[in-house]
Amino acid sequence: MKTKFSVMLAGVLLALAAFAYGQAGTEMKKAADDTGKATKDASKDTAHATKKAAVKTGHATKKAAVKTGDATEKAADKTGDATEKAAKKTGHGVKKGTKAVGHGIKKGAEKTEDVAK
């Protein structure tokens, strides 16, 4: 009877152990499934955030390009105006200088004429 009881107890323990391992396997599968779902959800959220950031960056870049173009146009206009004013001043200076040189040459010629007589 002791032997029969021991065999029966061993069988029950063996069945209990098999059930416990089976239950652990099921729990591991559920945990793996949950982890997979969480990873998938996280990757979707990350992809969505990345797309939004890319769109915002594109809009900001476009606005910056427009502002840069406007600033470049204004700078070119100012440079053109300054160049025009400088050219007028240079022309006026050349005109005055030429007149002065011509006057000096005329005086020099008159002196040379007086000396030559």
N, C-alpha and C. Protein backbone atom coordinates (compact mmCIF):
# COMPACT_ATOMS: atom_id res chain seq x y z
N MET A 1 0.80 -1.18 0.00
CA MET A 1 0.00 0.00 0.00
C MET A 1 0.86 1.27 0.00
N LYS A 2 1.93 1.24 0.73
CA LYS A 2 2.84 2.36 0.74
C LYS A 2 3.40 2.60 -0.66
N THR A 3 3.72 1.59 -1.34
CA THR A 3 4.29 1.71 -2.67
C THR A 3 3.24 2.27 -3.62
N LYS A 4 2.03 1.78 -3.50
CA LYS A 4 0.97 2.25 -4.36
C LYS A 4 0.71 3.75 -4.10
N PHE A 5 0.72 4.12 -2.84
CA PHE A 5 0.50 5.53 -2.47
C PHE A 5 1.64 6.41 -3.00
N SER A 6 2.85 5.92 -2.91
CA SER A 6 4.03 6.66 -3.38
C SER A 6 3.97 6.84 -4.89
N VAL A 7 3.58 5.79 -5.59
CA VAL A 7 3.48 5.86 -7.05
C VAL A 7 2.38 6.84 -7.43
N MET A 8 1.26 6.76 -6.70
CA MET A 8 0.16 7.67 -6.99
C MET A 8 0.57 9.11 -6.70
N LEU A 9 1.25 9.33 -5.60
CA LEU A 9 1.71 10.68 -5.23
C LEU A 9 2.71 11.20 -6.27
N ALA A 10 3.59 10.34 -6.72
CA ALA A 10 4.57 10.72 -7.75
C ALA A 10 3.85 11.08 -9.04
N GLY A 11 2.83 10.33 -9.39
CA GLY A 11 2.05 10.62 -10.60
C GLY A 11 1.34 11.95 -10.50
N VAL A 12 0.76 12.22 -9.33
CA VAL A 12 0.06 13.49 -9.13
C VAL A 12 1.05 14.64 -9.21
N LEU A 13 2.20 14.49 -8.57
CA LEU A 13 3.23 15.54 -8.61
C LEU A 13 3.75 15.76 -10.03
N LEU A 14 3.92 14.67 -10.75
CA LEU A 14 4.38 14.78 -12.14
C LEU A 14 3.34 15.50 -13.00
N ALA A 15 2.07 15.19 -12.82
CA ALA A 15 0.99 15.83 -13.57
C ALA A 15 0.91 17.31 -13.20
N LEU A 16 1.06 17.58 -11.91
CA LEU A 16 1.03 18.96 -11.43
C LEU A 16 2.19 19.77 -12.02
N ALA A 17 3.36 19.16 -12.07
CA ALA A 17 4.54 19.83 -12.65
C ALA A 17 4.33 20.09 -14.14
N ALA A 18 3.77 19.11 -14.84
CA ALA A 18 3.52 19.28 -16.28
C ALA A 18 2.50 20.39 -16.50
N PHE A 19 1.47 20.44 -15.67
CA PHE A 19 0.47 21.50 -15.78
C PHE A 19 1.09 22.88 -15.51
N ALA A 20 1.94 22.93 -14.49
CA ALA A 20 2.59 24.20 -14.14
C ALA A 20 3.48 24.68 -15.28
N TYR A 21 4.26 23.77 -15.86
CA TYR A 21 5.10 24.15 -17.00
C TYR A 21 4.27 24.58 -18.20
N GLY A 22 3.16 23.89 -18.40
CA GLY A 22 2.26 24.26 -19.50
C GLY A 22 1.67 25.64 -19.28
N GLN A 23 1.30 25.92 -18.05
CA GLN A 23 0.75 27.23 -17.71
C GLN A 23 1.81 28.33 -17.90
N ALA A 24 3.04 28.03 -17.50
CA ALA A 24 4.13 29.00 -17.65
C ALA A 24 4.37 29.28 -19.14
N GLY A 25 4.29 28.26 -19.96
CA GLY A 25 4.47 28.45 -21.40
C GLY A 25 3.40 29.35 -21.97
N THR A 26 2.15 29.15 -21.53
CA THR A 26 1.04 29.98 -21.99
C THR A 26 1.25 31.43 -21.56
N GLU A 27 1.67 31.60 -20.32
CA GLU A 27 1.92 32.96 -19.82
C GLU A 27 3.06 33.64 -20.60
N MET A 28 4.09 32.89 -20.93
CA MET A 28 5.21 33.44 -21.70
C MET A 28 4.75 33.86 -23.09
N LYS A 29 3.87 33.03 -23.69
CA LYS A 29 3.35 33.37 -25.01
C LYS A 29 2.51 34.64 -24.94
N LYS A 30 1.68 34.76 -23.91
CA LYS A 30 0.87 35.98 -23.76
C LYS A 30 1.76 37.20 -23.56
N ALA A 31 2.81 37.04 -22.75
CA ALA A 31 3.73 38.15 -22.51
C ALA A 31 4.44 38.55 -23.80
N ALA A 32 4.84 37.57 -24.57
CA ALA A 32 5.50 37.86 -25.85
C ALA A 32 4.55 38.56 -26.80
N ASP A 33 3.31 38.12 -26.85
CA ASP A 33 2.31 38.76 -27.70
C ASP A 33 2.08 40.21 -27.27
N ASP A 34 1.97 40.41 -25.93
CA ASP A 34 1.77 41.76 -25.41
C ASP A 34 2.96 42.66 -25.76
N THR A 35 4.16 42.11 -25.63
CA THR A 35 5.37 42.89 -25.96
C THR A 35 5.39 43.23 -27.44
N GLY A 36 5.03 42.27 -28.26
CA GLY A 36 4.99 42.53 -29.71
C GLY A 36 3.99 43.61 -30.05
N LYS A 37 2.81 43.56 -29.42
CA LYS A 37 1.79 44.58 -29.68
C LYS A 37 2.26 45.95 -29.20
N ALA A 38 2.87 45.99 -28.03
CA ALA A 38 3.37 47.27 -27.51
C ALA A 38 4.46 47.84 -28.41
N THR A 39 5.33 46.98 -28.91
CA THR A 39 6.39 47.43 -29.81
C THR A 39 5.79 47.97 -31.11
N LYS A 40 4.79 47.28 -31.63
CA LYS A 40 4.13 47.72 -32.87
C LYS A 40 3.46 49.08 -32.66
N ASP A 41 2.74 49.22 -31.52
CA ASP A 41 2.09 50.50 -31.23
C ASP A 41 3.11 51.62 -31.07
N ALA A 42 4.21 51.33 -30.39
CA ALA A 42 5.25 52.35 -30.19
C ALA A 42 5.87 52.75 -31.52
N SER A 43 6.09 51.80 -32.40
CA SER A 43 6.69 52.14 -33.70
C SER A 43 5.73 52.97 -34.54
N LYS A 44 4.42 52.69 -34.44
CA LYS A 44 3.44 53.51 -35.16
C LYS A 44 3.45 54.94 -34.64
N ASP A 45 3.49 55.09 -33.30
CA ASP A 45 3.53 56.43 -32.71
C ASP A 45 4.79 57.18 -33.12
N THR A 46 5.91 56.47 -33.11
CA THR A 46 7.18 57.09 -33.50
C THR A 46 7.14 57.52 -34.96
N ALA A 47 6.60 56.66 -35.82
CA ALA A 47 6.51 56.99 -37.24
C ALA A 47 5.61 58.20 -37.45
N HIS A 48 4.51 58.27 -36.73
CA HIS A 48 3.59 59.40 -36.85
C HIS A 48 4.27 60.69 -36.40
N ALA A 49 4.97 60.64 -35.28
CA ALA A 49 5.67 61.83 -34.77
C ALA A 49 6.77 62.27 -35.73
N THR A 50 7.48 61.31 -36.30
CA THR A 50 8.55 61.63 -37.25
C THR A 50 7.97 62.29 -38.49
N LYS A 51 6.84 61.80 -38.97
CA LYS A 51 6.20 62.38 -40.15
C LYS A 51 5.77 63.81 -39.86
N LYS A 52 5.16 64.04 -38.68
CA LYS A 52 4.74 65.40 -38.31
C LYS A 52 5.94 66.34 -38.24
N ALA A 53 7.02 65.86 -37.65
CA ALA A 53 8.23 66.69 -37.53
C ALA A 53 8.80 67.02 -38.91
N ALA A 54 8.78 66.06 -39.80
CA ALA A 54 9.29 66.29 -41.15
C ALA A 54 8.44 67.33 -41.89
N VAL A 55 7.13 67.24 -41.73
CA VAL A 55 6.24 68.21 -42.37
C VAL A 55 6.50 69.61 -41.81
N LYS A 56 6.61 69.71 -40.48
CA LYS A 56 6.87 71.01 -39.86
C LYS A 56 8.22 71.57 -40.31
N THR A 57 9.21 70.70 -40.40
CA THR A 57 10.54 71.14 -40.86
C THR A 57 10.46 71.64 -42.29
N GLY A 58 9.70 70.95 -43.12
CA GLY A 58 9.54 71.38 -44.51
C GLY A 58 8.89 72.75 -44.60
N HIS A 59 7.86 72.98 -43.80
CA HIS A 59 7.19 74.29 -43.81
C HIS A 59 8.13 75.38 -43.32
N ALA A 60 8.87 75.09 -42.26
CA ALA A 60 9.80 76.08 -41.71
C ALA A 60 10.91 76.40 -42.72
N THR A 61 11.39 75.38 -43.41
CA THR A 61 12.43 75.59 -44.41
C THR A 61 11.91 76.45 -45.55
N LYS A 62 10.68 76.20 -45.98
CA LYS A 62 10.08 76.97 -47.06
C LYS A 62 9.94 78.44 -46.65
N LYS A 63 9.46 78.68 -45.42
CA LYS A 63 9.31 80.05 -44.93
C LYS A 63 10.67 80.74 -44.84
N ALA A 64 11.66 80.02 -44.36
CA ALA A 64 13.00 80.59 -44.25
C ALA A 64 13.56 80.95 -45.62
N ALA A 65 13.30 80.10 -46.60
CA ALA A 65 13.78 80.36 -47.96
C ALA A 65 13.13 81.62 -48.53
N VAL A 66 11.83 81.79 -48.27
CA VAL A 66 11.11 82.98 -48.75
C VAL A 66 11.69 84.23 -48.09
N LYS A 67 11.90 84.15 -46.77
CA LYS A 67 12.47 85.31 -46.06
C LYS A 67 13.87 85.62 -46.55
N THR A 68 14.66 84.59 -46.81
CA THR A 68 16.01 84.80 -47.32
C THR A 68 15.96 85.46 -48.69
N GLY A 69 15.05 85.01 -49.53
CA GLY A 69 14.90 85.62 -50.85
C GLY A 69 14.50 87.08 -50.76
N ASP A 70 13.56 87.40 -49.86
CA ASP A 70 13.14 88.79 -49.68
C ASP A 70 14.30 89.65 -49.19
N ALA A 71 15.04 89.14 -48.22
CA ALA A 71 16.17 89.90 -47.68
C ALA A 71 17.25 90.10 -48.74
N THR A 72 17.48 89.09 -49.55
CA THR A 72 18.48 89.20 -50.61
C THR A 72 18.05 90.24 -51.64
N GLU A 73 16.77 90.26 -51.97
CA GLU A 73 16.26 91.24 -52.93
C GLU A 73 16.42 92.66 -52.39
N LYS A 74 16.08 92.87 -51.12
CA LYS A 74 16.23 94.19 -50.51
C LYS A 74 17.70 94.62 -50.49
N ALA A 75 18.58 93.68 -50.15
CA ALA A 75 20.01 94.00 -50.11
C ALA A 75 20.51 94.35 -51.51
N ALA A 76 20.04 93.65 -52.52
CA ALA A 76 20.46 93.93 -53.89
C ALA A 76 19.97 95.32 -54.33
N ASP A 77 18.74 95.67 -53.93
CA ASP A 77 18.22 97.01 -54.26
C ASP A 77 19.07 98.09 -53.61
N LYS A 78 19.40 97.91 -52.33
CA LYS A 78 20.22 98.89 -51.62
C LYS A 78 21.61 99.00 -52.24
N THR A 79 22.17 97.85 -52.61
CA THR A 79 23.50 97.85 -53.23
C THR A 79 23.45 98.57 -54.58
N GLY A 80 22.39 98.33 -55.33
CA GLY A 80 22.24 99.01 -56.63
C GLY A 80 22.12 100.51 -56.46
N ASP A 81 21.32 100.96 -55.48
CA ASP A 81 21.17 102.40 -55.22
C ASP A 81 22.51 103.01 -54.80
N ALA A 82 23.21 102.33 -53.92
CA ALA A 82 24.50 102.85 -53.46
C ALA A 82 25.51 102.91 -54.61
N THR A 83 25.49 101.91 -55.46
CA THR A 83 26.40 101.89 -56.61
C THR A 83 26.08 103.05 -57.56
N GLU A 84 24.80 103.30 -57.77
CA GLU A 84 24.39 104.40 -58.64
C GLU A 84 24.86 105.74 -58.08
N LYS A 85 24.66 105.96 -56.78
CA LYS A 85 25.09 107.21 -56.14
C LYS A 85 26.61 107.36 -56.22
N ALA A 86 27.33 106.26 -55.98
CA ALA A 86 28.79 106.32 -56.05
C ALA A 86 29.25 106.64 -57.46
N ALA A 87 28.58 106.10 -58.46
CA ALA A 87 28.95 106.38 -59.84
C ALA A 87 28.72 107.85 -60.18
N LYS A 88 27.61 108.43 -59.70
CA LYS A 88 27.34 109.85 -59.95
C LYS A 88 28.40 110.71 -59.30
N LYS A 89 28.76 110.38 -58.04
CA LYS A 89 29.78 111.15 -57.33
C LYS A 89 31.13 111.03 -58.03
N THR A 90 31.43 109.82 -58.50
CA THR A 90 32.69 109.61 -59.21
C THR A 90 32.70 110.43 -60.50
N GLY A 91 31.61 110.42 -61.23
CA GLY A 91 31.52 111.20 -62.47
C GLY A 91 31.68 112.69 -62.20
N HIS A 92 31.03 113.17 -61.12
CA HIS A 92 31.14 114.59 -60.77
C HIS A 92 32.59 114.93 -60.40
N GLY A 93 33.24 114.04 -59.65
CA GLY A 93 34.64 114.26 -59.27
C GLY A 93 35.55 114.26 -60.48
N VAL A 94 35.32 113.36 -61.40
CA VAL A 94 36.14 113.31 -62.62
C VAL A 94 35.95 114.58 -63.43
N LYS A 95 34.70 115.05 -63.50
CA LYS A 95 34.41 116.27 -64.25
C LYS A 95 35.16 117.46 -63.63
N LYS A 96 35.09 117.60 -62.30
CA LYS A 96 35.78 118.70 -61.62
C LYS A 96 37.29 118.59 -61.80
N GLY A 97 37.80 117.35 -61.68
CA GLY A 97 39.24 117.14 -61.83
C GLY A 97 39.70 117.47 -63.24
N THR A 98 38.92 117.08 -64.21
CA THR A 98 39.28 117.36 -65.61
C THR A 98 39.29 118.86 -65.86
N LYS A 99 38.29 119.54 -65.29
CA LYS A 99 38.21 121.00 -65.46
C LYS A 99 39.43 121.66 -64.82
N ALA A 100 39.81 121.19 -63.64
CA ALA A 100 40.97 121.75 -62.94
C ALA A 100 42.25 121.48 -63.72
N VAL A 101 42.38 120.28 -64.23
CA VAL A 101 43.58 119.94 -65.01
C VAL A 101 43.62 120.79 -66.28
N GLY A 102 42.48 120.93 -66.92
CA GLY A 102 42.42 121.76 -68.13
C GLY A 102 42.80 123.20 -67.84
N HIS A 103 42.31 123.73 -66.70
CA HIS A 103 42.64 125.10 -66.31
C HIS A 103 44.14 125.23 -66.04
N GLY A 104 44.72 124.20 -65.38
CA GLY A 104 46.17 124.21 -65.11
C GLY A 104 46.97 124.15 -66.39
N ILE A 105 46.53 123.36 -67.33
CA ILE A 105 47.25 123.25 -68.61
C ILE A 105 47.17 124.57 -69.36
N LYS A 106 46.01 125.22 -69.32
CA LYS A 106 45.84 126.50 -70.01
C LYS A 106 46.78 127.53 -69.41
N LYS A 107 46.87 127.60 -68.07
CA LYS A 107 47.76 128.56 -67.42
C LYS A 107 49.20 128.27 -67.78
N GLY A 108 49.53 126.95 -67.76
CA GLY A 108 50.91 126.56 -68.10
C GLY A 108 51.24 126.94 -69.53
N ALA A 109 50.30 126.82 -70.42
CA ALA A 109 50.51 127.16 -71.83
C ALA A 109 50.70 128.66 -71.99
N GLU A 110 49.91 129.43 -71.22
CA GLU A 110 50.05 130.89 -71.29
C GLU A 110 51.41 131.32 -70.79
N LYS A 111 51.88 130.69 -69.71
CA LYS A 111 53.21 131.03 -69.17
C LYS A 111 54.28 130.64 -70.18
N THR A 112 54.10 129.47 -70.77
CA THR A 112 55.08 129.05 -71.77
C THR A 112 55.08 130.00 -72.94
N GLU A 113 53.95 130.51 -73.33
CA GLU A 113 53.85 131.44 -74.45
C GLU A 113 54.57 132.75 -74.10
N ASP A 114 54.35 133.22 -72.84
CA ASP A 114 54.99 134.45 -72.41
C ASP A 114 56.53 134.29 -72.41
N VAL A 115 56.98 133.17 -71.95
CA VAL A 115 58.41 132.92 -71.88
C VAL A 115 58.98 132.82 -73.29
N ALA A 116 58.25 132.22 -74.18
CA ALA A 116 58.74 132.00 -75.54
C ALA A 116 58.81 133.30 -76.30
N LYS A 117 58.08 134.32 -75.97
CA LYS A 117 58.09 135.58 -76.71
C LYS A 117 59.30 136.33 -76.46
